[in-house]
């Protein structure tokens, strides 16, 4: 049970909003020490995992590229491009990304999307740009709401799409767990029965995105009065006009 202390470290670290990489590293060290390993063995395990998975270093090559693209106006160009499409809405843009994310994940291309390389520089600005083109300047609570839906779309797309690919880690994990219980299931069978779950996830989240469109239209199209300084959104606690 002491090995679960690493989970506690993660919870406390994220609750205190500490650096995520530092929190995860400390959690790994605590888990290793609680499991009976020496500090040297824990550090050696980190090094072995890094050398066996060298593609992790690609992240450090991608981040500078994304930074240069953002500095050159990537987000602004994406926002301007998508705002010219009359039929596009915030929900429809995210639905299209959800479909693309699920299909590519089902083919094993899970690294094509992601928060740092797709959501932050492209998908979230495009979704915000559509809302701005229809309703004008957006209050910050609305921007955070759209960004949260964009991040959730990426998570849901890859989580429920990757299980359709038979050579993904999650399928092997499920198969191994079932094998320990004496249930032998082929990876192709697991992948086949992951399709209904993926379709259901797409339908459910697409419904949530459609509800997001209606919410934005209802709240941002309402005329702003003296008691509604944020285009129909209730003021946050501590702001003028909020109920304490």
C-alpha atoms as a PDB file:
ATOM      1  CA  UNK A   1       0.000   0.000   0.000  1.00  0.00           C
ATOM      2  CA  UNK A   2       2.926   2.348   0.583  1.00  0.00           C
ATOM      3  CA  UNK A   3       3.563   2.462  -3.163  1.00  0.00           C
ATOM      4  CA  UNK A   4       0.308   4.426  -3.490  1.00  0.00           C
ATOM      5  CA  UNK A   5       2.034   7.376  -1.830  1.00  0.00           C
ATOM      6  CA  UNK A   6       3.071   8.411  -5.340  1.00  0.00           C
ATOM      7  CA  UNK A   7      -0.584   8.976  -6.208  1.00  0.00           C
ATOM      8  CA  UNK A   8      -0.937  11.171  -3.114  1.00  0.00           C
ATOM      9  CA  UNK A   9       2.090  13.215  -4.237  1.00  0.00           C
ATOM     10  CA  UNK A  10       0.474  13.752  -7.649  1.00  0.00           C
ATOM     11  CA  UNK A  11      -2.830  14.862  -6.090  1.00  0.00           C
ATOM     12  CA  UNK A  12      -1.161  17.294  -3.678  1.00  0.00           C
ATOM     13  CA  UNK A  13       1.204  18.651  -6.314  1.00  0.00           C
ATOM     14  CA  UNK A  14      -1.540  19.306  -8.858  1.00  0.00           C
ATOM     15  CA  UNK A  15      -3.799  20.790  -6.166  1.00  0.00           C
ATOM     16  CA  UNK A  16      -1.008  23.254  -5.300  1.00  0.00           C
ATOM     17  CA  UNK A  17      -0.497  23.932  -9.035  1.00  0.00           C
ATOM     18  CA  UNK A  18       3.177  23.038  -8.932  1.00  0.00           C
ATOM     19  CA  UNK A  19       5.207  22.247 -12.033  1.00  0.00           C
ATOM     20  CA  UNK A  20       3.681  19.115 -13.557  1.00  0.00           C
ATOM     21  CA  UNK A  21       7.012  17.581 -14.627  1.00  0.00           C
ATOM     22  CA  UNK A  22       8.460  18.114 -11.146  1.00  0.00           C
ATOM     23  CA  UNK A  23       5.385  16.609  -9.486  1.00  0.00           C
ATOM     24  CA  UNK A  24       5.423  13.484 -11.661  1.00  0.00           C
ATOM     25  CA  UNK A  25       9.168  13.032 -11.132  1.00  0.00           C
ATOM     26  CA  UNK A  26       8.804  13.319  -7.365  1.00  0.00           C
ATOM     27  CA  UNK A  27       5.880  10.892  -7.452  1.00  0.00           C
ATOM     28  CA  UNK A  28       8.016   8.366  -9.321  1.00  0.00           C
ATOM     29  CA  UNK A  29      10.830   8.711  -6.806  1.00  0.00           C
ATOM     30  CA  UNK A  30       8.469   8.321  -3.851  1.00  0.00           C
ATOM     31  CA  UNK A  31       6.839   5.259  -5.424  1.00  0.00           C
ATOM     32  CA  UNK A  32      10.214   3.653  -6.069  1.00  0.00           C
ATOM     33  CA  UNK A  33      11.519   4.296  -2.546  1.00  0.00           C
ATOM     34  CA  UNK A  34       8.257   3.041  -1.029  1.00  0.00           C
ATOM     35  CA  UNK A  35       8.563  -0.089  -3.157  1.00  0.00           C
ATOM     36  CA  UNK A  36      11.939  -0.940  -1.644  1.00  0.00           C
ATOM     37  CA  UNK A  37      14.260   0.439  -4.328  1.00  0.00           C
ATOM     38  CA  UNK A  38      17.278   2.534  -3.515  1.00  0.00           C
ATOM     39  CA  UNK A  39      17.600   6.084  -4.812  1.00  0.00           C
ATOM     40  CA  UNK A  40      20.253   4.884  -7.251  1.00  0.00           C
ATOM     41  CA  UNK A  41      17.922   2.191  -8.607  1.00  0.00           C
ATOM     42  CA  UNK A  42      15.082   4.690  -9.013  1.00  0.00           C
ATOM     43  CA  UNK A  43      17.256   7.102 -10.994  1.00  0.00           C
ATOM     44  CA  UNK A  44      18.579   4.181 -13.060  1.00  0.00           C
ATOM     45  CA  UNK A  45      14.983   3.165 -13.842  1.00  0.00           C
ATOM     46  CA  UNK A  46      14.270   6.721 -15.066  1.00  0.00           C
ATOM     47  CA  UNK A  47      17.332   6.593 -17.313  1.00  0.00           C
ATOM     48  CA  UNK A  48      16.471   3.148 -18.688  1.00  0.00           C
ATOM     49  CA  UNK A  49      12.911   4.236 -19.499  1.00  0.00           C
ATOM     50  CA  UNK A  50      14.217   7.308 -21.293  1.00  0.00           C
ATOM     51  CA  UNK A  51      16.728   5.405 -23.399  1.00  0.00           C
ATOM     52  CA  UNK A  52      14.170   2.736 -24.319  1.00  0.00           C
ATOM     53  CA  UNK A  53      11.676   5.407 -25.398  1.00  0.00           C
ATOM     54  CA  UNK A  54      13.847   7.883 -27.245  1.00  0.00           C
ATOM     55  CA  UNK A  55      10.873   9.367 -29.087  1.00  0.00           C
ATOM     56  CA  UNK A  56      10.093  11.229 -25.839  1.00  0.00           C
ATOM     57  CA  UNK A  57      12.895  13.625 -26.773  1.00  0.00           C
ATOM     58  CA  UNK A  58      10.923  14.692 -29.864  1.00  0.00           C
ATOM     59  CA  UNK A  59       8.772  16.837 -27.561  1.00  0.00           C
ATOM     60  CA  UNK A  60      11.743  19.123 -26.929  1.00  0.00           C
ATOM     61  CA  UNK A  61      12.119  19.583 -30.700  1.00  0.00           C
ATOM     62  CA  UNK A  62       8.414  20.281 -31.267  1.00  0.00           C
ATOM     63  CA  UNK A  63       7.969  22.912 -28.567  1.00  0.00           C
ATOM     64  CA  UNK A  64      10.421  25.490 -30.054  1.00  0.00           C
ATOM     65  CA  UNK A  65       8.776  25.035 -33.470  1.00  0.00           C
ATOM     66  CA  UNK A  66       5.333  25.677 -31.992  1.00  0.00           C
ATOM     67  CA  UNK A  67       6.681  28.727 -30.168  1.00  0.00           C
ATOM     68  CA  UNK A  68       8.085  30.184 -33.396  1.00  0.00           C
ATOM     69  CA  UNK A  69       4.829  29.535 -35.252  1.00  0.00           C
ATOM     70  CA  UNK A  70       2.796  31.233 -32.528  1.00  0.00           C
ATOM     71  CA  UNK A  71       5.135  34.215 -32.541  1.00  0.00           C
ATOM     72  CA  UNK A  72       4.665  34.477 -36.310  1.00  0.00           C
ATOM     73  CA  UNK A  73       0.890  34.669 -35.894  1.00  0.00           C
ATOM     74  CA  UNK A  74      -0.237  31.033 -36.231  1.00  0.00           C
ATOM     75  CA  UNK A  75      -3.189  31.478 -33.879  1.00  0.00           C
ATOM     76  CA  UNK A  76      -4.280  34.710 -35.545  1.00  0.00           C
ATOM     77  CA  UNK A  77      -4.140  33.162 -39.024  1.00  0.00           C
ATOM     78  CA  UNK A  78      -6.120  30.119 -37.901  1.00  0.00           C
ATOM     79  CA  UNK A  79      -8.719  32.361 -36.253  1.00  0.00           C
ATOM     80  CA  UNK A  80      -9.072  34.545 -39.348  1.00  0.00           C
ATOM     81  CA  UNK A  81      -9.302  31.577 -41.717  1.00  0.00           C
ATOM     82  CA  UNK A  82     -12.027  29.730 -39.842  1.00  0.00           C
ATOM     83  CA  UNK A  83     -14.069  32.891 -39.171  1.00  0.00           C
ATOM     84  CA  UNK A  84     -14.600  33.291 -42.953  1.00  0.00           C
ATOM     85  CA  UNK A  85     -16.611  30.041 -43.115  1.00  0.00           C
ATOM     86  CA  UNK A  86     -20.230  31.085 -42.667  1.00  0.00           C
ATOM     87  CA  UNK A  87     -21.579  27.644 -41.758  1.00  0.00           C
ATOM     88  CA  UNK A  88     -18.938  27.056 -39.088  1.00  0.00           C
ATOM     89  CA  UNK A  89     -19.742  27.317 -35.407  1.00  0.00           C
ATOM     90  CA  UNK A  90     -17.649  26.663 -32.331  1.00  0.00           C
ATOM     91  CA  UNK A  91     -19.343  23.316 -31.762  1.00  0.00           C
ATOM     92  CA  UNK A  92     -19.052  22.228 -35.392  1.00  0.00           C
ATOM     93  CA  UNK A  93     -15.340  23.021 -35.512  1.00  0.00           C
ATOM     94  CA  UNK A  94     -14.769  20.918 -32.405  1.00  0.00           C
ATOM     95  CA  UNK A  95     -16.971  18.122 -33.801  1.00  0.00           C
ATOM     96  CA  UNK A  96     -14.831  18.005 -36.939  1.00  0.00           C
ATOM     97  CA  UNK A  97     -11.661  17.813 -34.841  1.00  0.00           C
ATOM     98  CA  UNK A  98     -13.247  15.082 -32.695  1.00  0.00           C
ATOM     99  CA  UNK A  99     -13.940  12.988 -35.797  1.00  0.00           C
ATOM    100  CA  UNK A 100     -10.415  13.520 -37.143  1.00  0.00           C
ATOM    101  CA  UNK A 101      -8.862  12.742 -33.763  1.00  0.00           C
ATOM    102  CA  UNK A 102     -10.819   9.527 -33.346  1.00  0.00           C
ATOM    103  CA  UNK A 103     -10.151   8.283 -36.871  1.00  0.00           C
ATOM    104  CA  UNK A 104      -6.404   8.962 -36.718  1.00  0.00           C
ATOM    105  CA  UNK A 105      -6.168   7.418 -33.241  1.00  0.00           C
ATOM    106  CA  UNK A 106      -7.999   4.340 -34.543  1.00  0.00           C
ATOM    107  CA  UNK A 107      -5.249   4.029 -37.159  1.00  0.00           C
ATOM    108  CA  UNK A 108      -2.575   4.232 -34.469  1.00  0.00           C
ATOM    109  CA  UNK A 109      -1.605   7.848 -35.224  1.00  0.00           C
ATOM    110  CA  UNK A 110      -2.112   9.102 -31.675  1.00  0.00           C
ATOM    111  CA  UNK A 111       0.735  11.615 -31.886  1.00  0.00           C
ATOM    112  CA  UNK A 112      -0.915  13.673 -34.655  1.00  0.00           C
ATOM    113  CA  UNK A 113      -2.984  15.599 -32.118  1.00  0.00           C
ATOM    114  CA  UNK A 114      -2.489  16.688 -28.544  1.00  0.00           C
ATOM    115  CA  UNK A 115      -2.806  19.739 -26.335  1.00  0.00           C
ATOM    116  CA  UNK A 116       0.566  21.430 -26.963  1.00  0.00           C
ATOM    117  CA  UNK A 117       0.842  20.758 -30.689  1.00  0.00           C
ATOM    118  CA  UNK A 118      -2.792  21.082 -31.824  1.00  0.00           C
ATOM    119  CA  UNK A 119      -5.270  22.327 -29.219  1.00  0.00           C
ATOM    120  CA  UNK A 120      -3.410  25.359 -27.896  1.00  0.00           C
ATOM    121  CA  UNK A 121      -2.004  26.778 -31.153  1.00  0.00           C
ATOM    122  CA  UNK A 122      -4.819  25.808 -33.552  1.00  0.00           C
ATOM    123  CA  UNK A 123      -8.050  24.224 -32.318  1.00  0.00           C
ATOM    124  CA  UNK A 124      -8.820  26.495 -29.353  1.00  0.00           C
ATOM    125  CA  UNK A 125      -8.041  29.736 -31.282  1.00  0.00           C
ATOM    126  CA  UNK A 126     -10.209  28.564 -34.184  1.00  0.00           C
ATOM    127  CA  UNK A 127     -13.102  27.782 -31.839  1.00  0.00           C
ATOM    128  CA  UNK A 128     -12.718  31.171 -30.131  1.00  0.00           C
ATOM    129  CA  UNK A 129     -12.421  32.932 -33.494  1.00  0.00           C
ATOM    130  CA  UNK A 130     -15.753  31.542 -34.664  1.00  0.00           C
ATOM    131  CA  UNK A 131     -17.452  32.771 -31.489  1.00  0.00           C
ATOM    132  CA  UNK A 132     -15.818  36.204 -31.844  1.00  0.00           C
ATOM    133  CA  UNK A 133     -16.924  36.551 -35.457  1.00  0.00           C
ATOM    134  CA  UNK A 134     -20.538  35.889 -34.426  1.00  0.00           C
ATOM    135  CA  UNK A 135     -20.815  37.573 -31.048  1.00  0.00           C
ATOM    136  CA  UNK A 136     -17.964  40.084 -30.886  1.00  0.00           C
ATOM    137  CA  UNK A 137     -15.493  40.337 -28.020  1.00  0.00           C
ATOM    138  CA  UNK A 138     -15.767  37.404 -25.606  1.00  0.00           C
ATOM    139  CA  UNK A 139     -15.619  37.661 -21.806  1.00  0.00           C
ATOM    140  CA  UNK A 140     -12.875  35.594 -20.179  1.00  0.00           C
ATOM    141  CA  UNK A 141     -15.258  33.022 -18.603  1.00  0.00           C
ATOM    142  CA  UNK A 142     -16.550  32.235 -22.101  1.00  0.00           C
ATOM    143  CA  UNK A 143     -13.008  31.925 -23.483  1.00  0.00           C
ATOM    144  CA  UNK A 144     -12.105  29.484 -20.710  1.00  0.00           C
ATOM    145  CA  UNK A 145     -15.284  27.515 -21.408  1.00  0.00           C
ATOM    146  CA  UNK A 146     -14.411  27.169 -25.100  1.00  0.00           C
ATOM    147  CA  UNK A 147     -10.806  26.229 -24.332  1.00  0.00           C
ATOM    148  CA  UNK A 148     -11.982  23.579 -21.855  1.00  0.00           C
ATOM    149  CA  UNK A 149     -14.260  22.043 -24.480  1.00  0.00           C
ATOM    150  CA  UNK A 150     -11.405  22.051 -27.000  1.00  0.00           C
ATOM    151  CA  UNK A 151      -9.108  20.232 -24.557  1.00  0.00           C
ATOM    152  CA  UNK A 152     -11.863  17.756 -23.660  1.00  0.00           C
ATOM    153  CA  UNK A 153     -12.494  17.064 -27.343  1.00  0.00           C
ATOM    154  CA  UNK A 154      -8.874  16.036 -27.831  1.00  0.00           C
ATOM    155  CA  UNK A 155      -8.899  13.813 -24.739  1.00  0.00           C
ATOM    156  CA  UNK A 156     -12.146  12.061 -25.652  1.00  0.00           C
ATOM    157  CA  UNK A 157     -11.130  11.578 -29.280  1.00  0.00           C
ATOM    158  CA  UNK A 158      -7.821   9.878 -28.556  1.00  0.00           C
ATOM    159  CA  UNK A 159      -9.028   7.957 -25.488  1.00  0.00           C
ATOM    160  CA  UNK A 160     -11.919   6.225 -27.227  1.00  0.00           C
ATOM    161  CA  UNK A 161     -10.301   6.066 -30.670  1.00  0.00           C
ATOM    162  CA  UNK A 162      -6.996   4.407 -29.824  1.00  0.00           C
ATOM    163  CA  UNK A 163      -8.634   1.235 -28.486  1.00  0.00           C
ATOM    164  CA  UNK A 164      -9.730   0.378 -32.036  1.00  0.00           C
ATOM    165  CA  UNK A 165      -6.048  -0.027 -33.007  1.00  0.00           C
ATOM    166  CA  UNK A 166      -4.937  -3.527 -32.008  1.00  0.00           C
ATOM    167  CA  UNK A 167      -1.273  -2.640 -31.410  1.00  0.00           C
ATOM    168  CA  UNK A 168      -1.889   0.106 -28.850  1.00  0.00           C
ATOM    169  CA  UNK A 169      -0.804  -0.139 -25.237  1.00  0.00           C
ATOM    170  CA  UNK A 170      -4.330   0.035 -23.814  1.00  0.00           C
ATOM    171  CA  UNK A 171      -5.437  -3.046 -25.788  1.00  0.00           C
ATOM    172  CA  UNK A 172      -2.399  -5.004 -24.597  1.00  0.00           C
ATOM    173  CA  UNK A 173      -3.080  -3.882 -21.020  1.00  0.00           C
ATOM    174  CA  UNK A 174      -6.720  -5.048 -21.182  1.00  0.00           C
ATOM    175  CA  UNK A 175      -5.698  -8.356 -22.727  1.00  0.00           C
ATOM    176  CA  UNK A 176      -3.040  -8.918 -20.062  1.00  0.00           C
ATOM    177  CA  UNK A 177      -5.440  -8.108 -17.234  1.00  0.00           C
ATOM    178  CA  UNK A 178      -8.067 -10.494 -18.584  1.00  0.00           C
ATOM    179  CA  UNK A 179      -5.436 -13.199 -19.096  1.00  0.00           C
ATOM    180  CA  UNK A 180      -4.504 -12.978 -15.407  1.00  0.00           C
ATOM    181  CA  UNK A 181      -8.133 -13.779 -14.595  1.00  0.00           C
ATOM    182  CA  UNK A 182      -8.139 -16.766 -16.945  1.00  0.00           C
ATOM    183  CA  UNK A 183     -10.006 -15.001 -19.756  1.00  0.00           C
ATOM    184  CA  UNK A 184      -8.210 -15.246 -23.087  1.00  0.00           C
ATOM    185  CA  UNK A 185      -9.358 -12.617 -25.581  1.00  0.00           C
ATOM    186  CA  UNK A 186      -7.682 -11.827 -28.882  1.00  0.00           C
ATOM    187  CA  UNK A 187      -6.646  -8.182 -29.499  1.00  0.00           C
ATOM    188  CA  UNK A 188      -8.748  -8.118 -32.662  1.00  0.00           C
ATOM    189  CA  UNK A 189     -11.835  -8.992 -30.619  1.00  0.00           C
ATOM    190  CA  UNK A 190     -11.121  -6.207 -28.126  1.00  0.00           C
ATOM    191  CA  UNK A 191     -10.585  -3.738 -30.952  1.00  0.00           C
ATOM    192  CA  UNK A 192     -13.830  -4.796 -32.652  1.00  0.00           C
ATOM    193  CA  UNK A 193     -15.877  -4.286 -29.500  1.00  0.00           C
ATOM    194  CA  UNK A 194     -14.242  -0.914 -28.917  1.00  0.00           C
ATOM    195  CA  UNK A 195     -15.995   0.451 -32.005  1.00  0.00           C
ATOM    196  CA  UNK A 196     -19.464   0.796 -30.385  1.00  0.00           C
ATOM    197  CA  UNK A 197     -17.885   2.572 -27.426  1.00  0.00           C
ATOM    198  CA  UNK A 198     -16.054   4.992 -29.719  1.00  0.00           C
ATOM    199  CA  UNK A 199     -19.222   5.707 -31.699  1.00  0.00           C
ATOM    200  CA  UNK A 200     -21.174   6.290 -28.485  1.00  0.00           C
ATOM    201  CA  UNK A 201     -18.475   8.646 -27.209  1.00  0.00           C
ATOM    202  CA  UNK A 202     -18.610  10.593 -30.470  1.00  0.00           C
ATOM    203  CA  UNK A 203     -22.405  10.922 -30.330  1.00  0.00           C
ATOM    204  CA  UNK A 204     -22.447  11.934 -26.651  1.00  0.00           C
ATOM    205  CA  UNK A 205     -19.679  14.510 -26.937  1.00  0.00           C
ATOM    206  CA  UNK A 206     -21.087  15.889 -30.188  1.00  0.00           C
ATOM    207  CA  UNK A 207     -24.347  16.445 -28.316  1.00  0.00           C
ATOM    208  CA  UNK A 208     -22.431  18.350 -25.636  1.00  0.00           C
ATOM    209  CA  UNK A 209     -20.806  20.481 -28.328  1.00  0.00           C
ATOM    210  CA  UNK A 210     -24.194  21.217 -29.872  1.00  0.00           C
ATOM    211  CA  UNK A 211     -25.379  22.277 -26.424  1.00  0.00           C
ATOM    212  CA  UNK A 212     -22.320  24.523 -26.214  1.00  0.00           C
ATOM    213  CA  UNK A 213     -23.398  26.271 -29.427  1.00  0.00           C
ATOM    214  CA  UNK A 214     -26.863  26.883 -28.006  1.00  0.00           C
ATOM    215  CA  UNK A 215     -25.396  28.128 -24.733  1.00  0.00           C
ATOM    216  CA  UNK A 216     -23.145  30.609 -26.513  1.00  0.00           C
ATOM    217  CA  UNK A 217     -25.991  31.841 -28.710  1.00  0.00           C
ATOM    218  CA  UNK A 218     -28.348  32.205 -25.761  1.00  0.00           C
ATOM    219  CA  UNK A 219     -25.929  34.008 -23.441  1.00  0.00           C
ATOM    220  CA  UNK A 220     -23.888  36.108 -25.856  1.00  0.00           C
ATOM    221  CA  UNK A 221     -26.776  37.202 -28.051  1.00  0.00           C
ATOM    222  CA  UNK A 222     -28.711  38.586 -25.066  1.00  0.00           C
ATOM    223  CA  UNK A 223     -28.550  42.393 -24.790  1.00  0.00           C
ATOM    224  CA  UNK A 224     -26.145  43.467 -22.077  1.00  0.00           C
ATOM    225  CA  UNK A 225     -27.715  45.577 -19.362  1.00  0.00           C
ATOM    226  CA  UNK A 226     -26.412  47.291 -16.233  1.00  0.00           C
ATOM    227  CA  UNK A 227     -26.738  44.038 -14.295  1.00  0.00           C
ATOM    228  CA  UNK A 228     -25.089  41.857 -16.968  1.00  0.00           C
ATOM    229  CA  UNK A 229     -21.676  43.340 -17.816  1.00  0.00           C
ATOM    230  CA  UNK A 230     -20.404  40.104 -19.377  1.00  0.00           C
ATOM    231  CA  UNK A 231     -22.854  39.617 -22.260  1.00  0.00           C
ATOM    232  CA  UNK A 232     -25.385  37.661 -20.224  1.00  0.00           C
ATOM    233  CA  UNK A 233     -22.907  35.647 -18.171  1.00  0.00           C
ATOM    234  CA  UNK A 234     -23.210  35.840 -14.421  1.00  0.00           C
ATOM    235  CA  UNK A 235     -20.319  37.751 -12.796  1.00  0.00           C
ATOM    236  CA  UNK A 236     -17.707  35.728 -10.998  1.00  0.00           C
ATOM    237  CA  UNK A 237     -17.607  35.751  -7.178  1.00  0.00           C
ATOM    238  CA  UNK A 238     -15.833  38.856  -5.963  1.00  0.00           C
ATOM    239  CA  UNK A 239     -16.704  40.905  -9.042  1.00  0.00           C
ATOM    240  CA  UNK A 240     -19.093  43.877  -8.868  1.00  0.00           C
ATOM    241  CA  UNK A 241     -22.684  42.701  -8.975  1.00  0.00           C
ATOM    242  CA  UNK A 242     -21.983  39.190  -7.728  1.00  0.00           C
ATOM    243  CA  UNK A 243     -23.837  37.726  -4.786  1.00  0.00           C
ATOM    244  CA  UNK A 244     -21.443  37.087  -1.930  1.00  0.00           C
END
